[in-house]
Protein backbone atom coordinates (compact mmCIF):
# COMPACT_ATOMS: atom_id res chain seq x y z
CA MET A 1 116.69 71.22 120.70
CA PRO A 2 116.55 73.57 123.76
CA MET A 3 117.98 77.03 123.33
CA SER A 4 121.23 77.49 125.26
CA GLU A 5 121.61 80.26 127.82
CA ASN A 6 124.02 82.21 125.63
CA SER A 7 121.78 82.25 122.69
CA GLN A 8 118.87 83.42 124.77
CA THR A 9 121.03 86.24 126.06
CA ARG A 10 121.92 87.25 122.45
CA ARG A 11 118.40 87.05 121.45
CA HIS A 12 117.00 89.30 124.24
CA GLU A 13 119.90 91.65 124.72
CA GLY A 14 121.23 91.93 121.16
CA PRO A 15 120.22 94.60 118.65
CA ARG A 16 116.63 94.13 117.60
CA GLY A 17 116.31 96.68 114.99
CA ARG A 18 113.39 99.15 114.42
CA VAL A 19 111.61 100.77 111.45
CA ASP A 20 112.03 104.47 110.93
CA LEU A 21 109.17 106.23 112.91
CA LEU A 22 109.06 109.35 110.72
CA LEU A 23 108.79 107.28 107.59
CA LEU A 24 106.06 105.09 109.00
CA LEU A 25 104.11 108.25 109.99
CA GLY A 26 104.36 109.69 106.58
CA LEU A 27 103.22 106.59 104.96
CA LEU A 28 100.21 106.30 107.23
CA GLY A 29 99.34 110.01 106.70
CA LEU A 30 99.21 109.41 102.88
CA ILE A 31 97.21 106.32 103.18
CA SER A 32 94.70 107.96 105.39
CA LEU A 33 94.36 110.95 103.23
CA GLY A 34 93.94 108.58 100.28
CA VAL A 35 90.97 106.88 101.99
CA VAL A 36 89.17 110.15 102.65
CA MET A 37 89.75 111.53 99.20
CA ILE A 38 88.71 108.33 97.45
CA ALA A 39 85.39 108.41 99.55
CA SER A 40 84.92 111.94 98.21
CA SER A 41 86.04 111.67 94.62
CA SER A 42 84.52 108.20 93.68
CA ILE A 43 80.82 108.74 94.49
CA ALA A 44 79.95 110.32 91.06
CA VAL A 45 82.01 107.69 89.22
CA ALA A 46 80.17 104.97 91.02
CA ASP A 47 76.87 106.56 90.33
CA SER A 48 77.70 106.80 86.57
CA GLN A 49 78.47 103.00 86.57
CA HIS A 50 75.24 102.19 88.53
CA HIS A 51 76.98 101.18 91.71
CA GLN A 52 76.37 102.09 95.27
CA PRO A 53 77.85 105.49 96.36
CA PHE A 54 80.66 103.94 98.27
CA TYR A 55 81.40 101.06 95.85
CA PHE A 56 84.93 102.14 95.06
CA LEU A 57 85.62 102.98 98.70
CA LYS A 58 84.72 99.54 99.92
CA ARG A 59 86.92 97.95 97.20
CA HIS A 60 89.80 100.25 98.03
CA LEU A 61 89.61 99.24 101.63
CA ILE A 62 89.70 95.60 100.68
CA PHE A 63 92.79 96.21 98.42
CA LEU A 64 94.27 98.23 101.23
CA SER A 65 93.83 95.31 103.61
CA LEU A 66 95.59 93.07 101.23
CA GLY A 67 98.35 95.57 100.84
CA PHE A 68 98.79 95.78 104.64
CA ALA A 69 99.14 91.98 104.64
CA ALA A 70 101.81 92.07 101.80
CA ALA A 71 103.57 94.87 103.69
CA ALA A 72 103.61 92.96 106.84
CA VAL A 73 105.11 89.84 104.96
CA ALA A 74 107.62 92.10 103.38
CA LEU A 75 108.57 93.60 106.80
CA LYS A 76 109.23 90.04 108.08
CA THR A 77 111.34 88.90 105.19
CA GLU A 78 115.07 89.27 105.47
CA LEU A 79 116.59 91.37 102.69
CA ARG A 80 119.37 88.72 102.28
CA TRP A 81 116.66 86.18 101.32
CA LEU A 82 115.35 88.64 98.62
CA GLU A 83 118.98 89.34 97.45
CA GLN A 84 119.72 85.72 96.88
CA ARG A 85 116.75 85.24 94.70
CA ALA A 86 116.95 88.60 92.74
CA GLY A 87 117.84 86.72 89.44
CA LEU A 88 114.86 84.35 89.87
CA LEU A 89 112.68 87.34 90.49
CA LEU A 90 113.75 89.10 87.32
CA ILE A 91 112.89 86.01 85.39
CA CYS A 92 109.46 86.01 86.85
CA ALA A 93 109.16 89.83 85.97
CA VAL A 94 109.89 89.03 82.37
CA LEU A 95 107.48 86.16 82.12
CA MET A 96 104.69 88.27 83.59
CA LEU A 97 105.28 91.01 80.99
CA LEU A 98 105.23 88.45 78.27
CA ALA A 99 102.05 86.80 79.65
CA VAL A 100 99.94 89.88 78.91
CA PHE A 101 100.30 89.07 75.11
CA VAL A 102 98.92 85.46 75.70
CA PRO A 103 95.34 85.23 74.12
CA HIS A 104 92.59 84.92 76.82
CA PHE A 105 95.07 85.42 79.64
CA GLY A 106 96.29 88.92 78.82
CA MET A 107 93.47 91.57 78.80
CA ARG A 108 93.18 94.44 76.37
CA ILE A 109 91.57 97.51 77.91
CA ASN A 110 91.34 100.87 76.05
CA GLY A 111 93.76 99.52 73.36
CA ALA A 112 96.50 98.53 75.78
CA ARG A 113 97.57 94.97 76.87
CA ARG A 114 98.65 95.72 80.57
CA TRP A 115 96.45 93.35 82.60
CA LEU A 116 96.38 89.60 83.35
CA ASN A 117 93.03 87.87 83.80
CA LEU A 118 93.18 85.81 87.01
CA GLY A 119 89.59 84.90 86.79
CA PHE A 120 88.35 86.51 89.98
CA THR A 121 90.19 89.74 89.39
CA SER A 122 92.67 91.39 87.03
CA PHE A 123 96.39 92.05 87.74
CA GLN A 124 98.70 94.52 86.35
CA PRO A 125 102.09 92.94 86.32
CA VAL A 126 104.18 96.16 85.87
CA GLU A 127 103.37 97.01 89.52
CA ALA A 128 105.36 93.94 90.60
CA VAL A 129 108.06 94.62 88.01
CA LYS A 130 108.76 97.93 89.65
CA LEU A 131 109.72 96.29 92.94
CA ILE A 132 111.62 93.51 91.27
CA LEU A 133 113.71 95.93 89.27
CA VAL A 134 114.72 97.60 92.50
CA LEU A 135 115.58 94.34 94.19
CA TYR A 136 117.59 93.09 91.16
CA MET A 137 119.44 96.29 90.52
CA SER A 138 120.41 96.65 94.20
CA SER A 139 121.74 93.08 94.06
CA TYR A 140 123.77 93.77 90.96
CA LEU A 141 125.27 97.04 92.54
CA VAL A 142 126.44 95.09 95.51
CA ARG A 143 127.99 92.17 93.66
CA HIS A 144 129.63 94.36 90.88
CA ARG A 145 130.54 97.39 92.89
CA GLU A 146 134.11 97.70 91.60
CA SER A 147 133.04 97.21 88.00
CA ILE A 148 130.25 99.82 88.19
CA GLU A 149 132.61 102.36 89.62
CA THR A 150 135.58 101.89 87.24
CA ARG A 151 134.46 100.26 83.95
CA LEU A 152 132.18 101.36 81.22
CA TRP A 153 131.23 97.77 80.57
CA GLY A 154 130.08 97.43 84.16
CA LEU A 155 126.98 99.45 83.26
CA LEU A 156 126.09 97.31 80.19
CA ARG A 157 124.27 94.48 82.04
CA PRO A 158 121.90 96.65 84.20
CA LEU A 159 121.15 98.95 81.29
CA LEU A 160 120.51 95.87 79.11
CA VAL A 161 118.14 94.50 81.63
CA ALA A 162 116.24 97.87 81.91
CA GLY A 163 116.18 98.04 78.04
CA MET A 164 114.56 94.62 77.88
CA LEU A 165 111.87 95.64 80.49
CA VAL A 166 111.43 98.95 78.65
CA ALA A 167 110.94 97.15 75.19
CA LEU A 168 108.33 94.92 76.76
CA LEU A 169 106.49 97.88 78.39
CA LEU A 170 106.51 99.89 75.13
CA ALA A 171 104.99 96.88 73.28
CA GLN A 172 101.92 96.90 75.65
CA PRO A 173 102.01 100.02 75.32
CA ASP A 174 102.99 101.60 78.70
CA PHE A 175 105.22 104.67 78.10
CA GLY A 176 104.83 106.06 81.50
CA SER A 177 106.11 103.04 83.32
CA ALA A 178 108.78 102.52 80.73
CA THR A 179 110.03 106.04 81.69
CA LEU A 180 109.99 105.13 85.39
CA VAL A 181 112.23 102.03 84.71
CA ILE A 182 114.78 104.14 82.88
CA GLY A 183 114.80 106.82 85.56
CA VAL A 184 115.17 104.43 88.42
CA THR A 185 117.86 102.46 86.77
CA ILE A 186 119.99 105.51 85.81
CA GLY A 187 119.46 106.86 89.38
CA LEU A 188 120.44 103.76 91.09
CA VAL A 189 123.64 103.04 89.13
CA TRP A 190 124.70 106.69 89.68
CA LEU A 191 124.09 106.29 93.49
CA GLY A 192 126.03 103.01 93.16
CA GLY A 193 129.12 104.96 92.04
CA ALA A 194 128.92 105.01 88.25
CA ARG A 195 130.73 107.91 86.65
CA PRO A 196 128.39 110.45 85.06
CA PHE A 197 130.40 110.41 81.79
CA PHE A 198 129.81 106.60 81.50
CA LEU A 199 126.15 107.20 82.13
CA PHE A 200 126.01 109.84 79.40
CA LEU A 201 127.73 107.49 76.81
CA MET A 202 125.35 104.67 77.79
CA GLY A 203 122.31 106.91 77.62
CA LEU A 204 122.99 108.31 74.11
CA PRO A 205 121.18 105.37 72.29
CA LEU A 206 118.16 105.66 74.52
CA MET A 207 117.51 109.31 73.60
CA PRO A 208 116.48 108.57 70.02
CA ALA A 209 114.55 105.45 71.09
CA LEU A 210 112.49 107.43 73.45
CA VAL A 211 111.83 110.13 70.82
CA ILE A 212 110.71 107.45 68.32
CA ALA A 213 108.56 105.78 70.96
CA ALA A 214 106.92 108.97 72.04
CA THR A 215 106.07 110.00 68.43
CA SER A 216 105.14 106.60 67.05
CA GLU A 217 101.62 106.69 67.96
CA SER A 218 99.17 109.68 67.03
CA TYR A 219 97.60 109.83 70.57
CA ARG A 220 101.09 110.37 72.17
CA VAL A 221 101.78 113.20 69.82
CA LYS A 222 98.39 114.68 70.54
CA ARG A 223 99.25 114.53 74.31
CA LEU A 224 102.51 116.23 73.75
CA THR A 225 101.02 118.82 71.54
CA SER A 226 97.98 119.46 73.87
CA PHE A 227 100.05 119.57 76.92
CA MET A 228 101.71 122.80 75.53
CA ASP A 229 98.42 124.66 74.97
CA PRO A 230 95.40 122.51 76.29
CA TRP A 231 93.03 125.45 75.83
CA LYS A 232 93.57 125.40 72.18
CA ASP A 233 91.26 122.37 71.96
CA PRO A 234 89.63 122.20 75.43
CA PHE A 235 86.78 119.86 74.57
CA ASN A 236 88.92 117.21 72.82
CA ASP A 237 92.64 116.58 73.15
CA GLY A 238 93.02 119.09 76.05
CA PHE A 239 89.91 118.08 77.90
CA GLN A 240 91.63 116.14 80.74
CA LEU A 241 94.21 118.82 81.38
CA THR A 242 91.85 121.72 81.12
CA GLN A 243 89.26 120.13 83.61
CA SER A 244 92.15 119.50 86.02
CA LEU A 245 93.50 122.93 85.88
CA MET A 246 89.92 124.36 86.49
CA ALA A 247 89.54 122.09 89.46
CA VAL A 248 92.80 123.22 90.94
CA GLY A 249 92.01 126.87 90.11
CA ARG A 250 88.53 126.59 91.94
CA GLY A 251 90.24 125.46 95.09
CA SER A 252 92.20 128.64 95.54
CA TRP A 253 94.07 128.65 98.86
CA ASP A 254 91.80 126.69 101.23
CA GLY A 255 89.49 124.76 98.91
CA VAL A 256 85.75 124.67 98.43
CA GLY A 257 85.25 122.05 101.23
CA LEU A 258 85.49 118.45 101.53
CA GLY A 259 82.91 116.76 99.25
CA SER A 260 81.96 119.91 97.52
CA SER A 261 83.98 119.50 94.37
CA ILE A 262 81.98 120.16 91.16
CA LEU A 263 84.56 118.96 88.56
CA LYS A 264 84.38 115.38 89.92
CA LEU A 265 80.74 115.20 88.90
CA SER A 266 81.47 113.41 85.55
CA TYR A 267 83.47 116.47 84.25
CA LEU A 268 87.05 115.47 85.35
CA PRO A 269 88.02 112.03 83.92
CA GLU A 270 89.56 109.49 86.23
CA ALA A 271 88.87 111.68 89.29
CA HIS A 272 89.49 108.83 91.78
CA THR A 273 92.69 107.40 89.99
CA ASP A 274 94.99 109.57 87.66
CA PHE A 275 93.54 112.98 88.65
CA ILE A 276 92.72 112.67 92.22
CA LEU A 277 95.28 115.51 93.08
CA ALA A 278 92.98 117.82 91.15
CA VAL A 279 90.11 116.96 93.46
CA ILE A 280 92.34 117.44 96.42
CA GLY A 281 93.29 120.91 95.05
CA GLU A 282 89.60 121.78 94.51
CA GLU A 283 88.30 120.52 97.83
CA LEU A 284 91.26 121.24 100.13
CA GLY A 285 92.85 124.05 98.12
CA LEU A 286 96.62 124.84 97.98
CA ALA A 287 96.80 123.79 101.64
CA GLY A 288 95.72 120.24 100.63
CA ILE A 289 98.31 120.03 97.79
CA VAL A 290 101.05 121.33 100.18
CA LEU A 291 100.01 118.74 102.67
CA VAL A 292 100.34 115.91 100.03
CA LEU A 293 103.61 117.16 98.86
CA GLY A 294 104.88 117.62 102.57
CA LEU A 295 103.93 114.08 103.34
CA PHE A 296 105.69 112.66 100.23
CA GLY A 297 108.62 114.88 100.96
CA LEU A 298 108.89 113.40 104.47
CA VAL A 299 108.81 109.86 103.10
CA LEU A 300 111.48 110.50 100.48
CA TRP A 301 113.68 112.45 102.87
CA ARG A 302 113.63 109.51 105.44
CA GLY A 303 114.15 106.88 102.63
CA PHE A 304 117.29 108.64 101.16
CA THR A 305 118.67 109.40 104.66
CA MET A 306 118.43 105.86 105.71
CA GLY A 307 120.08 104.78 102.47
CA LEU A 308 122.96 107.03 103.14
CA ARG A 309 123.31 105.64 106.65
CA GLY A 310 123.23 102.21 105.24
CA VAL A 311 126.05 103.01 102.85
CA GLU A 312 128.12 104.56 105.69
CA ILE A 313 127.93 101.33 107.85
CA GLY A 314 128.40 98.79 105.12
CA GLN A 315 124.65 97.66 104.75
CA ARG A 316 124.77 98.37 100.97
CA TYR A 317 121.98 96.10 99.77
CA ALA A 318 119.60 97.54 102.26
CA ALA A 319 120.84 101.08 101.31
CA TYR A 320 120.26 100.47 97.58
CA VAL A 321 116.88 99.06 98.24
CA ALA A 322 116.00 102.24 100.21
CA PHE A 323 117.39 104.44 97.36
CA GLY A 324 115.53 102.40 94.67
CA VAL A 325 112.20 102.42 96.35
CA SER A 326 112.44 106.09 97.22
CA LEU A 327 113.37 106.84 93.61
CA MET A 328 110.45 104.80 92.27
CA LEU A 329 107.96 106.55 94.60
CA GLY A 330 109.56 109.96 93.99
CA LEU A 331 109.51 109.78 90.11
CA GLN A 332 105.98 108.42 90.08
CA VAL A 333 104.82 111.24 92.39
CA THR A 334 106.67 113.88 90.22
CA VAL A 335 104.95 112.55 87.05
CA SER A 336 101.51 112.38 88.71
CA VAL A 337 101.71 115.86 90.30
CA GLY A 338 103.15 117.28 87.10
CA VAL A 339 100.34 115.85 84.92
CA ASN A 340 97.66 117.17 87.33
CA LEU A 341 99.24 120.61 87.36
CA GLY A 342 99.86 120.82 83.58
CA ALA A 343 103.67 120.67 83.86
CA LEU A 344 103.98 117.40 82.14
CA PRO A 345 102.07 115.49 79.35
CA THR A 346 99.23 113.22 80.40
CA LYS A 347 100.36 109.84 81.54
CA GLY A 348 98.49 106.88 83.00
CA LEU A 349 100.35 106.90 86.42
CA THR A 350 98.40 107.10 89.72
CA LEU A 351 99.43 108.90 92.82
CA PRO A 352 101.07 106.30 95.17
CA MET A 353 99.19 105.43 98.27
CA ILE A 354 96.39 107.89 97.57
CA SER A 355 94.74 107.02 94.21
CA TYR A 356 92.25 104.20 93.90
CA GLY A 357 93.69 100.98 92.69
CA GLY A 358 93.78 97.22 92.93
CA SER A 359 97.17 95.70 92.12
CA SER A 360 98.79 99.05 92.24
CA MET A 361 97.68 99.60 95.81
CA VAL A 362 98.74 96.05 96.91
CA LEU A 363 102.14 96.15 95.26
CA THR A 364 102.89 99.74 96.49
CA CYS A 365 102.17 98.65 100.04
CA ALA A 366 104.52 95.64 99.46
CA MET A 367 107.07 98.06 98.12
CA VAL A 368 107.00 100.40 101.17
CA GLY A 369 106.98 97.17 103.29
CA VAL A 370 110.32 96.40 101.76
CA LEU A 371 111.57 99.99 102.35
CA LEU A 372 110.50 99.72 106.04
CA ARG A 373 112.40 96.38 106.22
CA ALA A 374 115.53 98.12 104.84
CA THR A 375 115.20 100.83 107.60
CA PHE A 376 114.78 98.11 110.15
CA GLU A 377 118.03 96.39 108.99
CA ILE A 378 119.96 99.52 108.77
CA ASN A 379 118.92 100.55 112.35
CA ARG A 380 119.75 97.08 113.58
CA ALA A 381 123.28 97.34 112.24
CA LEU A 382 123.67 100.83 113.74
CA ASP A 383 122.57 99.46 117.19
CA ALA A 384 124.98 96.66 116.85
CA ARG A 385 127.82 99.08 116.01
CA ARG A 386 126.92 101.20 118.99
CA SER A 387 126.80 98.18 121.29
CA ASN A 388 130.24 97.00 120.09
CA SER A 389 131.57 100.60 120.52
CA ARG A 390 130.45 100.79 124.07
CA TYR A 391 131.69 97.41 124.82
CA LEU A 392 135.27 98.13 123.43
CA GLU A 393 135.19 101.43 125.38
CA ALA A 394 134.32 99.48 128.48
CA LEU A 395 137.22 96.98 127.88
CA ALA A 396 139.64 99.96 127.24
CA ALA A 397 138.65 101.67 130.52
CA ALA A 398 139.05 98.42 132.39
CA ALA A 399 142.42 97.77 131.02
CA GLN A 400 143.59 101.28 131.97
CA ALA A 401 142.25 101.09 135.58
CA PRO A 402 145.01 100.49 138.25
CA ALA A 403 145.17 96.97 139.61
CA PRO A 404 143.57 96.48 143.05
CA THR A 405 146.14 96.32 145.97
CA THR A 406 145.84 94.04 148.87
CA THR A 407 147.15 94.73 152.44
CA ARG A 408 148.59 92.09 154.52
CA ALA A 409 146.77 91.43 157.65
CA ALA A 410 148.72 92.39 160.72
CA ALA A 411 150.12 89.46 162.37
């Protein structure tokens, strides 16, 4: 059917929306810095595994290309479509977490069942679960806004959902991701209007559960104790942290130079993944660490700012999605930076958009694509409001203008 003239006018003259430019620049800056640092930090790792020097860099660029494709799809997808399917996505998340325990399909690496064997590659489902959690919780906050704000029982369902995901993650075990799920859930329901006292009451049962989970395995206890004084046993339990601290210390203010790190030469474990910030600190110095924190600060500032604007104009789902993705990225960055600098116990969490990763990079790009889509829809609604405001002002001005007078022609 041919498009009518009015519909064409609305399409070309109506609000089109736009992504937040500062947010996009911050994300591109982090990704670019990540490519450079992976090229530098992974050469020794590739050599130790008998690969070509830029083996991990080439793989990272492939995963990054897939991530850009996922981000493009997310950017083109209406958030309303995701909101309507949030429950189905949650079911998929639970099934993926259960699938890691299926023999021959779930993979056990270093004693943990966190990966799925897809034949041609492996996949870590928790990376998708992080995004699905944000989408589902945002949908719940929109649908049950009054209950969240006024009733204690309104918090029960989201906390039960989070508890179920946490239980499945601890069974793998994945204590770091379980902590992220708890933190993002509590942060989102608080931003959704829940009373702090209600959150405190609901969180009471989680405290002993986390303590039991943290002390149930000997390696977790060792991480907690070695974190307090890593130099007590620098060649065993405190090895990772001491190597990381030495790398950061060698960097001083301006670093030893790009590519000149010594600790990455088979001394610092996971130099291109979990401890890539330590390599940045050694090669680029304090200036490099400040650059990383500044770029993340820019991304989080724009994410939370756009979320607040979304709440103000009634775009609540887009606002909660912006809040949720920003919380997820912010908490993961906090943990990763804290581990590298010795402020937190060692956890298996990478630095988003900088560390080497397969499924983590692809799904992180998809997550930031959803965040960019949220800013697009919020800006589109803001443009529509401004257009309507100007239109009403024009109507009011026309109504107040004096009626034109006509003079009779002289006979």
